[in-house]
Amino acid sequence: MKLKFWGVRGSIPSPGETTMRAGGNTTCIEIRTDDNQLIVLDGGTGIFPLAQTLLRELPVTAHIFNTHSHWDHIQGLPFFIPIFIPGNTIKLYGVFDPISSEGPERIMNVQLQYSYFPVREAEMKSRIEYVAIMPNEVVTIGAATVKPTLLNHPVLNLGYRIDCNDKSIFFTGDHEPHYNIYETGDDGYVEYQRLIEEQRLSIVEAIRGVDVIVADSAYTIEEYPAKKGWGHGTFDGSIQLAKDAGAKILYCTHHEPTRSDDDLEKVFAEALNRHANSLGGLDVRLAREGTEILI
């Protein structure tokens, strides 16, 4: 499989001279399976430059897997150019939300309202299909399988594991490690801690042995206490998750939008130094727009 990053920034696009090395677009990852099926993970603003490359290979069938419905993961979808072209097929996969009683169709319905976008969905010329999926429900796409796992975020968030011919990739979307809402000694602390450990182990097993994990690493450990409950991870937490799961390569992503390239590389190096003696064979890298790897 091939993986290419088209957007690695979190929360809001942050283009400019100080973010050129890592990139300023929000989340989007292109996966090409061994039989050249196109799988896209999230539709942040990075999906727009991806779309322009796809015009060379029309007609396109794009399998877009949405982790969750926050703006930075969906705001590029109305600008995904193949969606306007007859003969293309766009399949948008996402979780069924029991609060709204809707699936991924709501992602487009909300964005394409009259007040927010000039083109109605009915005017788009491609074939658009919406596929609601549940945690642990396996989707087969050619030679690959995609398996979603429920992770921790203030809205339903699915991480995705993609397996193809004994190679594997896991993407967390946005994920904050579960934490105990009780103080030590409170009546509910022990029981809640047991539940947290069960959730942690289930996530580790979903990731177990992957070749590549791409994980939300928005904050430093110093920043995290002020951001607790916002739904994002740290460099240190991602490194620990990758080690626990026996992953080979970790890409840290969802970069804090206020962080310049210099600052990003500095805090990343500090996190690596803290774990230098315990990485084993884990290869830890910063996700950068344009990076492409073959696994």
C-alpha atoms as a PDB file:
ATOM      1  CA  MET A   1       0.000   0.000   0.000  1.00  0.00           C
ATOM      2  CA  LYS A   2       0.949   3.618  -0.474  1.00  0.00           C
ATOM      3  CA  LEU A   3       0.151   6.402   1.978  1.00  0.00           C
ATOM      4  CA  LYS A   4       0.370  10.126   1.223  1.00  0.00           C
ATOM      5  CA  PHE A   5      -0.332  13.038   3.547  1.00  0.00           C
ATOM      6  CA  TRP A   6      -2.350  15.904   2.079  1.00  0.00           C
ATOM      7  CA  GLY A   7      -3.274  17.624   5.352  1.00  0.00           C
ATOM      8  CA  VAL A   8      -1.683  17.296   8.791  1.00  0.00           C
ATOM      9  CA  ARG A   9      -2.839  20.373  10.689  1.00  0.00           C
ATOM     10  CA  GLY A  10      -5.537  20.357  13.357  1.00  0.00           C
ATOM     11  CA  SER A  11      -8.521  22.566  14.110  1.00  0.00           C
ATOM     12  CA  ILE A  12      -8.102  25.255  11.425  1.00  0.00           C
ATOM     13  CA  PRO A  13      -5.947  25.688   8.314  1.00  0.00           C
ATOM     14  CA  SER A  14      -2.758  27.575   9.064  1.00  0.00           C
ATOM     15  CA  PRO A  15      -1.003  28.483   5.801  1.00  0.00           C
ATOM     16  CA  GLY A  16       1.973  30.813   5.813  1.00  0.00           C
ATOM     17  CA  GLU A  17       5.730  31.127   5.778  1.00  0.00           C
ATOM     18  CA  THR A  18       6.113  29.581   9.239  1.00  0.00           C
ATOM     19  CA  THR A  19       4.190  26.378   8.445  1.00  0.00           C
ATOM     20  CA  MET A  20       5.497  25.519   4.981  1.00  0.00           C
ATOM     21  CA  ARG A  21       7.681  22.566   6.015  1.00  0.00           C
ATOM     22  CA  ALA A  22       4.920  20.619   7.773  1.00  0.00           C
ATOM     23  CA  GLY A  23       2.017  22.171   5.879  1.00  0.00           C
ATOM     24  CA  GLY A  24      -1.059  24.154   6.806  1.00  0.00           C
ATOM     25  CA  ASN A  25      -3.954  22.093   5.448  1.00  0.00           C
ATOM     26  CA  THR A  26      -6.248  20.173   7.776  1.00  0.00           C
ATOM     27  CA  THR A  27      -6.531  16.417   7.908  1.00  0.00           C
ATOM     28  CA  CYS A  28      -6.543  14.307   4.755  1.00  0.00           C
ATOM     29  CA  ILE A  29      -4.659  11.104   3.950  1.00  0.00           C
ATOM     30  CA  GLU A  30      -4.609   9.242   0.620  1.00  0.00           C
ATOM     31  CA  ILE A  31      -4.250   5.464   0.659  1.00  0.00           C
ATOM     32  CA  ARG A  32      -3.676   3.433  -2.497  1.00  0.00           C
ATOM     33  CA  THR A  33      -4.190  -0.289  -2.086  1.00  0.00           C
ATOM     34  CA  ASP A  34      -2.189  -2.889  -3.988  1.00  0.00           C
ATOM     35  CA  ASP A  35      -4.945  -3.037  -6.621  1.00  0.00           C
ATOM     36  CA  ASN A  36      -5.027   0.806  -6.792  1.00  0.00           C
ATOM     37  CA  GLN A  37      -8.286   1.309  -4.945  1.00  0.00           C
ATOM     38  CA  LEU A  38      -8.490   4.899  -3.668  1.00  0.00           C
ATOM     39  CA  ILE A  39      -9.209   5.248   0.044  1.00  0.00           C
ATOM     40  CA  VAL A  40      -9.262   8.746   1.542  1.00  0.00           C
ATOM     41  CA  LEU A  41      -9.142   9.267   5.292  1.00  0.00           C
ATOM     42  CA  ASP A  42     -10.986  12.488   6.217  1.00  0.00           C
ATOM     43  CA  GLY A  43     -11.950  15.444   4.076  1.00  0.00           C
ATOM     44  CA  GLY A  44     -10.170  18.399   5.626  1.00  0.00           C
ATOM     45  CA  THR A  45      -8.795  21.147   3.394  1.00  0.00           C
ATOM     46  CA  GLY A  46      -6.028  18.801   2.234  1.00  0.00           C
ATOM     47  CA  ILE A  47      -8.575  16.974   0.104  1.00  0.00           C
ATOM     48  CA  PHE A  48      -8.631  19.924  -2.319  1.00  0.00           C
ATOM     49  CA  PRO A  49      -5.044  19.533  -3.600  1.00  0.00           C
ATOM     50  CA  LEU A  50      -5.590  15.761  -3.658  1.00  0.00           C
ATOM     51  CA  ALA A  51      -8.657  16.290  -5.842  1.00  0.00           C
ATOM     52  CA  GLN A  52      -6.661  18.201  -8.431  1.00  0.00           C
ATOM     53  CA  THR A  53      -4.298  15.261  -8.941  1.00  0.00           C
ATOM     54  CA  LEU A  54      -7.255  12.926  -9.514  1.00  0.00           C
ATOM     55  CA  LEU A  55      -8.334  14.823 -12.632  1.00  0.00           C
ATOM     56  CA  ARG A  56      -5.592  12.948 -14.509  1.00  0.00           C
ATOM     57  CA  GLU A  57      -7.261   9.571 -13.919  1.00  0.00           C
ATOM     58  CA  LEU A  58     -10.986  10.064 -14.504  1.00  0.00           C
ATOM     59  CA  PRO A  59     -13.377   8.408 -13.940  1.00  0.00           C
ATOM     60  CA  VAL A  60     -12.678   8.139 -10.211  1.00  0.00           C
ATOM     61  CA  THR A  61     -14.178   5.953  -7.515  1.00  0.00           C
ATOM     62  CA  ALA A  62     -13.231   7.437  -4.156  1.00  0.00           C
ATOM     63  CA  HIS A  63     -13.890   5.696  -0.843  1.00  0.00           C
ATOM     64  CA  ILE A  64     -13.810   8.520   1.722  1.00  0.00           C
ATOM     65  CA  PHE A  65     -13.794   7.394   5.345  1.00  0.00           C
ATOM     66  CA  ASN A  66     -14.719  10.158   7.771  1.00  0.00           C
ATOM     67  CA  THR A  67     -13.428   9.816  11.330  1.00  0.00           C
ATOM     68  CA  HIS A  68     -15.857  12.404  12.744  1.00  0.00           C
ATOM     69  CA  SER A  69     -17.824  15.479  11.839  1.00  0.00           C
ATOM     70  CA  HIS A  70     -15.769  18.352  13.258  1.00  0.00           C
ATOM     71  CA  TRP A  71     -15.015  21.099  10.748  1.00  0.00           C
ATOM     72  CA  ASP A  72     -11.328  20.443  10.254  1.00  0.00           C
ATOM     73  CA  HIS A  73     -12.112  16.902   9.060  1.00  0.00           C
ATOM     74  CA  ILE A  74     -14.952  17.739   6.659  1.00  0.00           C
ATOM     75  CA  GLN A  75     -14.501  21.300   5.394  1.00  0.00           C
ATOM     76  CA  GLY A  76     -12.776  20.269   2.170  1.00  0.00           C
ATOM     77  CA  LEU A  77     -15.480  17.847   1.021  1.00  0.00           C
ATOM     78  CA  PRO A  78     -17.592  20.387  -0.930  1.00  0.00           C
ATOM     79  CA  PHE A  79     -14.392  21.318  -2.816  1.00  0.00           C
ATOM     80  CA  PHE A  80     -13.541  17.734  -3.794  1.00  0.00           C
ATOM     81  CA  ILE A  81     -13.596  18.378  -7.548  1.00  0.00           C
ATOM     82  CA  PRO A  82     -14.532  14.850  -8.739  1.00  0.00           C
ATOM     83  CA  ILE A  83     -17.853  15.264  -6.942  1.00  0.00           C
ATOM     84  CA  PHE A  84     -18.908  17.725  -9.671  1.00  0.00           C
ATOM     85  CA  ILE A  85     -17.976  15.506 -12.639  1.00  0.00           C
ATOM     86  CA  PRO A  86     -20.313  12.934 -14.243  1.00  0.00           C
ATOM     87  CA  GLY A  87     -19.059   9.355 -14.260  1.00  0.00           C
ATOM     88  CA  ASN A  88     -17.321   9.545 -10.881  1.00  0.00           C
ATOM     89  CA  THR A  89     -18.484   7.663  -7.803  1.00  0.00           C
ATOM     90  CA  ILE A  90     -17.982   9.125  -4.344  1.00  0.00           C
ATOM     91  CA  LYS A  91     -18.671   6.860  -1.376  1.00  0.00           C
ATOM     92  CA  LEU A  92     -18.666   8.655   1.975  1.00  0.00           C
ATOM     93  CA  TYR A  93     -18.403   6.347   4.994  1.00  0.00           C
ATOM     94  CA  GLY A  94     -19.004   7.452   8.557  1.00  0.00           C
ATOM     95  CA  VAL A  95     -20.554   6.559  11.879  1.00  0.00           C
ATOM     96  CA  PHE A  96     -24.298   6.517  12.533  1.00  0.00           C
ATOM     97  CA  ASP A  97     -24.957   9.151  15.187  1.00  0.00           C
ATOM     98  CA  PRO A  98     -27.769   8.177  17.599  1.00  0.00           C
ATOM     99  CA  ILE A  99     -28.113  11.818  18.711  1.00  0.00           C
ATOM    100  CA  SER A 100     -29.057  13.090  15.253  1.00  0.00           C
ATOM    101  CA  SER A 101     -30.321   9.682  14.007  1.00  0.00           C
ATOM    102  CA  GLU A 102     -28.286  10.283  10.840  1.00  0.00           C
ATOM    103  CA  GLY A 103     -25.218   8.874   9.202  1.00  0.00           C
ATOM    104  CA  PRO A 104     -22.546  10.527   7.032  1.00  0.00           C
ATOM    105  CA  GLU A 105     -25.155  12.154   4.792  1.00  0.00           C
ATOM    106  CA  ARG A 106     -25.524  14.817   7.473  1.00  0.00           C
ATOM    107  CA  ILE A 107     -21.918  15.922   6.864  1.00  0.00           C
ATOM    108  CA  MET A 108     -22.831  17.062   3.380  1.00  0.00           C
ATOM    109  CA  ASN A 109     -26.388  18.160   4.110  1.00  0.00           C
ATOM    110  CA  VAL A 110     -25.240  20.650   6.742  1.00  0.00           C
ATOM    111  CA  GLN A 111     -22.383  22.104   4.681  1.00  0.00           C
ATOM    112  CA  LEU A 112     -24.428  22.456   1.510  1.00  0.00           C
ATOM    113  CA  GLN A 113     -27.191  24.526   3.039  1.00  0.00           C
ATOM    114  CA  TYR A 114     -28.151  27.664   1.152  1.00  0.00           C
ATOM    115  CA  SER A 115     -26.573  29.962   3.752  1.00  0.00           C
ATOM    116  CA  TYR A 116     -23.144  28.314   3.613  1.00  0.00           C
ATOM    117  CA  PHE A 117     -22.445  27.050   0.093  1.00  0.00           C
ATOM    118  CA  PRO A 118     -23.550  28.178  -3.381  1.00  0.00           C
ATOM    119  CA  VAL A 119     -24.091  24.706  -4.914  1.00  0.00           C
ATOM    120  CA  ARG A 120     -26.807  22.290  -3.842  1.00  0.00           C
ATOM    121  CA  GLU A 121     -26.107  18.577  -3.550  1.00  0.00           C
ATOM    122  CA  ALA A 122     -28.622  17.893  -6.337  1.00  0.00           C
ATOM    123  CA  GLU A 123     -26.440  19.937  -8.695  1.00  0.00           C
ATOM    124  CA  MET A 124     -23.399  17.775  -8.167  1.00  0.00           C
ATOM    125  CA  LYS A 125     -22.992  15.445 -11.121  1.00  0.00           C
ATOM    126  CA  SER A 126     -21.161  12.452  -9.660  1.00  0.00           C
ATOM    127  CA  ARG A 127     -22.815   9.476  -8.050  1.00  0.00           C
ATOM    128  CA  ILE A 128     -22.746  10.057  -4.296  1.00  0.00           C
ATOM    129  CA  GLU A 129     -23.344   7.203  -1.863  1.00  0.00           C
ATOM    130  CA  TYR A 130     -23.517   7.430   1.915  1.00  0.00           C
ATOM    131  CA  VAL A 131     -22.533   4.389   3.958  1.00  0.00           C
ATOM    132  CA  ALA A 132     -23.226   4.362   7.704  1.00  0.00           C
ATOM    133  CA  ILE A 133     -20.878   2.028   9.545  1.00  0.00           C
ATOM    134  CA  MET A 134     -20.574   0.847  13.127  1.00  0.00           C
ATOM    135  CA  PRO A 135     -17.471   0.130  15.241  1.00  0.00           C
ATOM    136  CA  ASN A 136     -15.833  -3.209  14.325  1.00  0.00           C
ATOM    137  CA  GLU A 137     -17.896  -3.503  11.114  1.00  0.00           C
ATOM    138  CA  VAL A 138     -15.456  -4.582   8.402  1.00  0.00           C
ATOM    139  CA  VAL A 139     -15.684  -2.957   4.962  1.00  0.00           C
ATOM    140  CA  THR A 140     -14.043  -4.743   2.021  1.00  0.00           C
ATOM    141  CA  ILE A 141     -12.626  -2.628  -0.802  1.00  0.00           C
ATOM    142  CA  GLY A 142     -10.918  -4.716  -3.442  1.00  0.00           C
ATOM    143  CA  ALA A 143      -7.971  -6.477  -1.823  1.00  0.00           C
ATOM    144  CA  ALA A 144      -8.210  -4.356   1.359  1.00  0.00           C
ATOM    145  CA  THR A 145     -10.330  -4.410   4.479  1.00  0.00           C
ATOM    146  CA  VAL A 146     -11.172  -1.353   6.569  1.00  0.00           C
ATOM    147  CA  LYS A 147     -12.147  -1.865  10.193  1.00  0.00           C
ATOM    148  CA  PRO A 148     -13.394   1.035  12.360  1.00  0.00           C
ATOM    149  CA  THR A 149     -12.692   1.356  16.076  1.00  0.00           C
ATOM    150  CA  LEU A 150     -14.461   3.746  18.451  1.00  0.00           C
ATOM    151  CA  LEU A 151     -11.981   6.183  19.989  1.00  0.00           C
ATOM    152  CA  ASN A 152     -12.286   9.036  22.504  1.00  0.00           C
ATOM    153  CA  HIS A 153     -13.378  12.502  21.339  1.00  0.00           C
ATOM    154  CA  PRO A 154     -16.206  14.910  22.260  1.00  0.00           C
ATOM    155  CA  VAL A 155     -18.151  13.581  19.259  1.00  0.00           C
ATOM    156  CA  LEU A 156     -18.297  10.013  17.932  1.00  0.00           C
ATOM    157  CA  ASN A 157     -14.914   9.351  16.351  1.00  0.00           C
ATOM    158  CA  LEU A 158     -13.846   6.259  14.444  1.00  0.00           C
ATOM    159  CA  GLY A 159     -10.255   5.235  13.999  1.00  0.00           C
ATOM    160  CA  TYR A 160      -9.634   3.091  10.922  1.00  0.00           C
ATOM    161  CA  ARG A 161      -7.395   0.087  10.380  1.00  0.00           C
ATOM    162  CA  ILE A 162      -6.649  -0.781   6.762  1.00  0.00           C
ATOM    163  CA  ASP A 163      -5.191  -4.201   5.963  1.00  0.00           C
ATOM    164  CA  CYS A 164      -4.051  -5.308   2.536  1.00  0.00           C
ATOM    165  CA  ASN A 165      -1.861  -8.293   1.682  1.00  0.00           C
ATOM    166  CA  ASP A 166      -0.269  -8.528   5.131  1.00  0.00           C
ATOM    167  CA  LYS A 167       0.417  -4.783   5.374  1.00  0.00           C
ATOM    168  CA  SER A 168      -1.525  -2.480   7.677  1.00  0.00           C
ATOM    169  CA  ILE A 169      -2.189   1.163   8.548  1.00  0.00           C
ATOM    170  CA  PHE A 170      -4.134   2.629  11.468  1.00  0.00           C
ATOM    171  CA  PHE A 171      -5.383   6.217  11.655  1.00  0.00           C
ATOM    172  CA  THR A 172      -6.788   7.539  14.903  1.00  0.00           C
ATOM    173  CA  GLY A 173      -8.520  10.651  13.646  1.00  0.00           C
ATOM    174  CA  ASP A 174      -8.827  12.733  16.818  1.00  0.00           C
ATOM    175  CA  HIS A 175      -8.211  10.794  20.009  1.00  0.00           C
ATOM    176  CA  GLU A 176      -7.554  11.628  23.648  1.00  0.00           C
ATOM    177  CA  PRO A 177      -6.532   8.730  25.890  1.00  0.00           C
ATOM    178  CA  HIS A 178      -9.310   7.930  28.343  1.00  0.00           C
ATOM    179  CA  TYR A 179      -8.809   9.396  31.803  1.00  0.00           C
ATOM    180  CA  ASN A 180     -10.502   8.917  35.158  1.00  0.00           C
ATOM    181  CA  ILE A 181     -13.145  11.529  35.935  1.00  0.00           C
ATOM    182  CA  TYR A 182     -12.931  10.679  39.640  1.00  0.00           C
ATOM    183  CA  GLU A 183     -10.234  11.627  42.139  1.00  0.00           C
ATOM    184  CA  THR A 184      -8.200   8.916  43.836  1.00  0.00           C
ATOM    185  CA  GLY A 185     -10.173   7.725  46.838  1.00  0.00           C
ATOM    186  CA  ASP A 186     -13.596   8.691  45.438  1.00  0.00           C
ATOM    187  CA  ASP A 187     -16.249   5.981  45.511  1.00  0.00           C
ATOM    188  CA  GLY A 188     -16.296   5.539  41.738  1.00  0.00           C
ATOM    189  CA  TYR A 189     -12.562   5.727  41.111  1.00  0.00           C
ATOM    190  CA  VAL A 190     -11.659   2.019  41.111  1.00  0.00           C
ATOM    191  CA  GLU A 191     -14.591   0.929  38.955  1.00  0.00           C
ATOM    192  CA  TYR A 192     -14.034   3.727  36.461  1.00  0.00           C
ATOM    193  CA  GLN A 193     -10.319   2.929  36.297  1.00  0.00           C
ATOM    194  CA  ARG A 194     -11.172  -0.669  35.433  1.00  0.00           C
ATOM    195  CA  LEU A 195     -13.402   0.556  32.604  1.00  0.00           C
ATOM    196  CA  ILE A 196     -10.659   2.846  31.301  1.00  0.00           C
ATOM    197  CA  GLU A 197      -8.184  -0.012  31.233  1.00  0.00           C
ATOM    198  CA  GLU A 198     -10.634  -2.180  29.282  1.00  0.00           C
ATOM    199  CA  GLN A 199     -11.092   0.620  26.744  1.00  0.00           C
ATOM    200  CA  ARG A 200      -7.354   1.161  26.462  1.00  0.00           C
ATOM    201  CA  LEU A 201      -6.687  -2.523  25.875  1.00  0.00           C
ATOM    202  CA  SER A 202      -9.408  -2.781  23.229  1.00  0.00           C
ATOM    203  CA  ILE A 203      -7.828   0.117  21.318  1.00  0.00           C
ATOM    204  CA  VAL A 204      -4.350  -1.399  21.646  1.00  0.00           C
ATOM    205  CA  GLU A 205      -5.648  -4.698  20.265  1.00  0.00           C
ATOM    206  CA  ALA A 206      -7.291  -2.918  17.322  1.00  0.00           C
ATOM    207  CA  ILE A 207      -3.905  -1.413  16.452  1.00  0.00           C
ATOM    208  CA  ARG A 208      -1.805  -4.464  17.349  1.00  0.00           C
ATOM    209  CA  GLY A 209       1.118  -5.087  15.001  1.00  0.00           C
ATOM    210  CA  VAL A 210       0.374  -2.425  12.371  1.00  0.00           C
ATOM    211  CA  ASP A 211       3.116  -1.297  10.038  1.00  0.00           C
ATOM    212  CA  VAL A 212       2.111   2.357  10.315  1.00  0.00           C
ATOM    213  CA  ILE A 213       0.041   4.235  12.880  1.00  0.00           C
ATOM    214  CA  VAL A 214      -0.939   7.867  12.267  1.00  0.00           C
ATOM    215  CA  ALA A 215      -1.961   9.379  15.595  1.00  0.00           C
ATOM    216  CA  ASP A 216      -3.352  12.616  16.999  1.00  0.00           C
ATOM    217  CA  SER A 217      -0.410  14.288  18.752  1.00  0.00           C
ATOM    218  CA  ALA A 218      -1.669  17.846  19.086  1.00  0.00           C
ATOM    219  CA  TYR A 219      -0.193  18.784  22.453  1.00  0.00           C
ATOM    220  CA  THR A 220       2.909  18.553  24.555  1.00  0.00           C
ATOM    221  CA  ILE A 221       2.651  17.015  28.011  1.00  0.00           C
ATOM    222  CA  GLU A 222       3.080  20.511  29.455  1.00  0.00           C
ATOM    223  CA  GLU A 223       0.160  21.879  27.417  1.00  0.00           C
ATOM    224  CA  TYR A 224      -2.184  18.981  28.015  1.00  0.00           C
ATOM    225  CA  PRO A 225      -3.531  19.808  31.517  1.00  0.00           C
ATOM    226  CA  ALA A 226      -5.076  23.047  30.213  1.00  0.00           C
ATOM    227  CA  LYS A 227      -6.593  21.166  27.250  1.00  0.00           C
ATOM    228  CA  LYS A 228      -7.867  18.109  29.111  1.00  0.00           C
ATOM    229  CA  GLY A 229     -11.235  16.994  27.773  1.00  0.00           C
ATOM    230  CA  TRP A 230     -10.785  18.710  24.414  1.00  0.00           C
ATOM    231  CA  GLY A 231     -10.325  15.346  22.746  1.00  0.00           C
ATOM    232  CA  HIS A 232      -6.715  15.395  21.592  1.00  0.00           C
ATOM    233  CA  GLY A 233      -3.571  13.493  22.392  1.00  0.00           C
ATOM    234  CA  THR A 234       0.069  14.288  23.092  1.00  0.00           C
ATOM    235  CA  PHE A 235       3.323  13.260  21.444  1.00  0.00           C
ATOM    236  CA  ASP A 236       4.138  11.169  24.511  1.00  0.00           C
ATOM    237  CA  GLY A 237       0.729   9.485  24.546  1.00  0.00           C
ATOM    238  CA  SER A 238       1.001   8.575  20.869  1.00  0.00           C
ATOM    239  CA  ILE A 239       4.469   7.131  21.365  1.00  0.00           C
ATOM    240  CA  GLN A 240       3.215   5.038  24.280  1.00  0.00           C
ATOM    241  CA  LEU A 241       0.203   3.814  22.280  1.00  0.00           C
ATOM    242  CA  ALA A 242       2.412   2.811  19.352  1.00  0.00           C
ATOM    243  CA  LYS A 243       4.813   0.967  21.672  1.00  0.00           C
ATOM    244  CA  ASP A 244       1.989  -0.830  23.473  1.00  0.00           C
ATOM    245  CA  ALA A 245       0.533  -1.979  20.129  1.00  0.00           C
ATOM    246  CA  GLY A 246       3.847  -3.080  18.669  1.00  0.00           C
ATOM    247  CA  ALA A 247       3.622  -0.726  15.689  1.00  0.00           C
ATOM    248  CA  LYS A 248       6.633  -0.317  13.414  1.00  0.00           C
ATOM    249  CA  ILE A 249       6.263   3.341  12.373  1.00  0.00           C
ATOM    250  CA  LEU A 250       4.429   6.181  14.125  1.00  0.00           C
ATOM    251  CA  TYR A 251       3.500   9.410  12.363  1.00  0.00           C
ATOM    252  CA  CYS A 252       2.511  12.213  14.743  1.00  0.00           C
ATOM    253  CA  THR A 253      -0.161  14.440  13.198  1.00  0.00           C
ATOM    254  CA  HIS A 254      -2.981  16.951  13.903  1.00  0.00           C
ATOM    255  CA  HIS A 255      -0.396  19.641  14.522  1.00  0.00           C
ATOM    256  CA  GLU A 256      -1.437  22.541  16.735  1.00  0.00           C
ATOM    257  CA  PRO A 257      -2.362  25.385  14.311  1.00  0.00           C
ATOM    258  CA  THR A 258      -0.508  28.079  16.276  1.00  0.00           C
ATOM    259  CA  ARG A 259       2.739  26.106  16.211  1.00  0.00           C
ATOM    260  CA  SER A 260       5.346  27.143  13.655  1.00  0.00           C
ATOM    261  CA  ASP A 261       7.549  24.594  11.909  1.00  0.00           C
ATOM    262  CA  ASP A 262      10.446  25.541  14.178  1.00  0.00           C
ATOM    263  CA  ASP A 263       8.364  25.140  17.321  1.00  0.00           C
ATOM    264  CA  LEU A 264       6.814  21.900  16.057  1.00  0.00           C
ATOM    265  CA  GLU A 265      10.196  20.352  15.372  1.00  0.00           C
ATOM    266  CA  LYS A 266      11.474  21.543  18.764  1.00  0.00           C
ATOM    267  CA  VAL A 267       8.680  19.996  20.851  1.00  0.00           C
ATOM    268  CA  PHE A 268       8.793  16.834  18.740  1.00  0.00           C
ATOM    269  CA  ALA A 269      12.525  16.466  19.398  1.00  0.00           C
ATOM    270  CA  GLU A 270      11.942  16.970  23.120  1.00  0.00           C
ATOM    271  CA  ALA A 271       9.337  14.201  23.165  1.00  0.00           C
ATOM    272  CA  LEU A 272      11.666  11.856  21.273  1.00  0.00           C
ATOM    273  CA  ASN A 273      14.444  12.545  23.756  1.00  0.00           C
ATOM    274  CA  ARG A 274      12.173  11.604  26.653  1.00  0.00           C
ATOM    275  CA  HIS A 275      11.558   8.187  25.073  1.00  0.00           C
ATOM    276  CA  ALA A 276      14.969   7.662  23.443  1.00  0.00           C
ATOM    277  CA  ASN A 277      15.885   4.725  25.654  1.00  0.00           C
ATOM    278  CA  SER A 278      12.554   2.918  25.383  1.00  0.00           C
ATOM    279  CA  LEU A 279      11.544   3.101  21.709  1.00  0.00           C
ATOM    280  CA  GLY A 280      12.850  -0.343  20.851  1.00  0.00           C
ATOM    281  CA  GLY A 281      12.383  -0.662  17.117  1.00  0.00           C
ATOM    282  CA  LEU A 282       9.669   2.007  16.859  1.00  0.00           C
ATOM    283  CA  ASP A 283      10.384   4.639  14.184  1.00  0.00           C
ATOM    284  CA  VAL A 284       8.733   7.955  15.188  1.00  0.00           C
ATOM    285  CA  ARG A 285       8.192  10.650  12.557  1.00  0.00           C
ATOM    286  CA  LEU A 286       6.412  13.963  12.085  1.00  0.00           C
ATOM    287  CA  ALA A 287       3.633  13.888   9.497  1.00  0.00           C
ATOM    288  CA  ARG A 288       4.257  16.446   6.767  1.00  0.00           C
ATOM    289  CA  GLU A 289       2.179  17.389   3.732  1.00  0.00           C
ATOM    290  CA  GLY A 290       3.482  15.677   0.643  1.00  0.00           C
ATOM    291  CA  THR A 291       5.196  12.816   2.460  1.00  0.00           C
ATOM    292  CA  GLU A 292       4.519   9.537   0.651  1.00  0.00           C
ATOM    293  CA  ILE A 293       5.581   6.078   1.795  1.00  0.00           C
ATOM    294  CA  LEU A 294       5.227   2.573   0.412  1.00  0.00           C
ATOM    295  CA  ILE A 295       4.619  -0.211   2.908  1.00  0.00           C
END
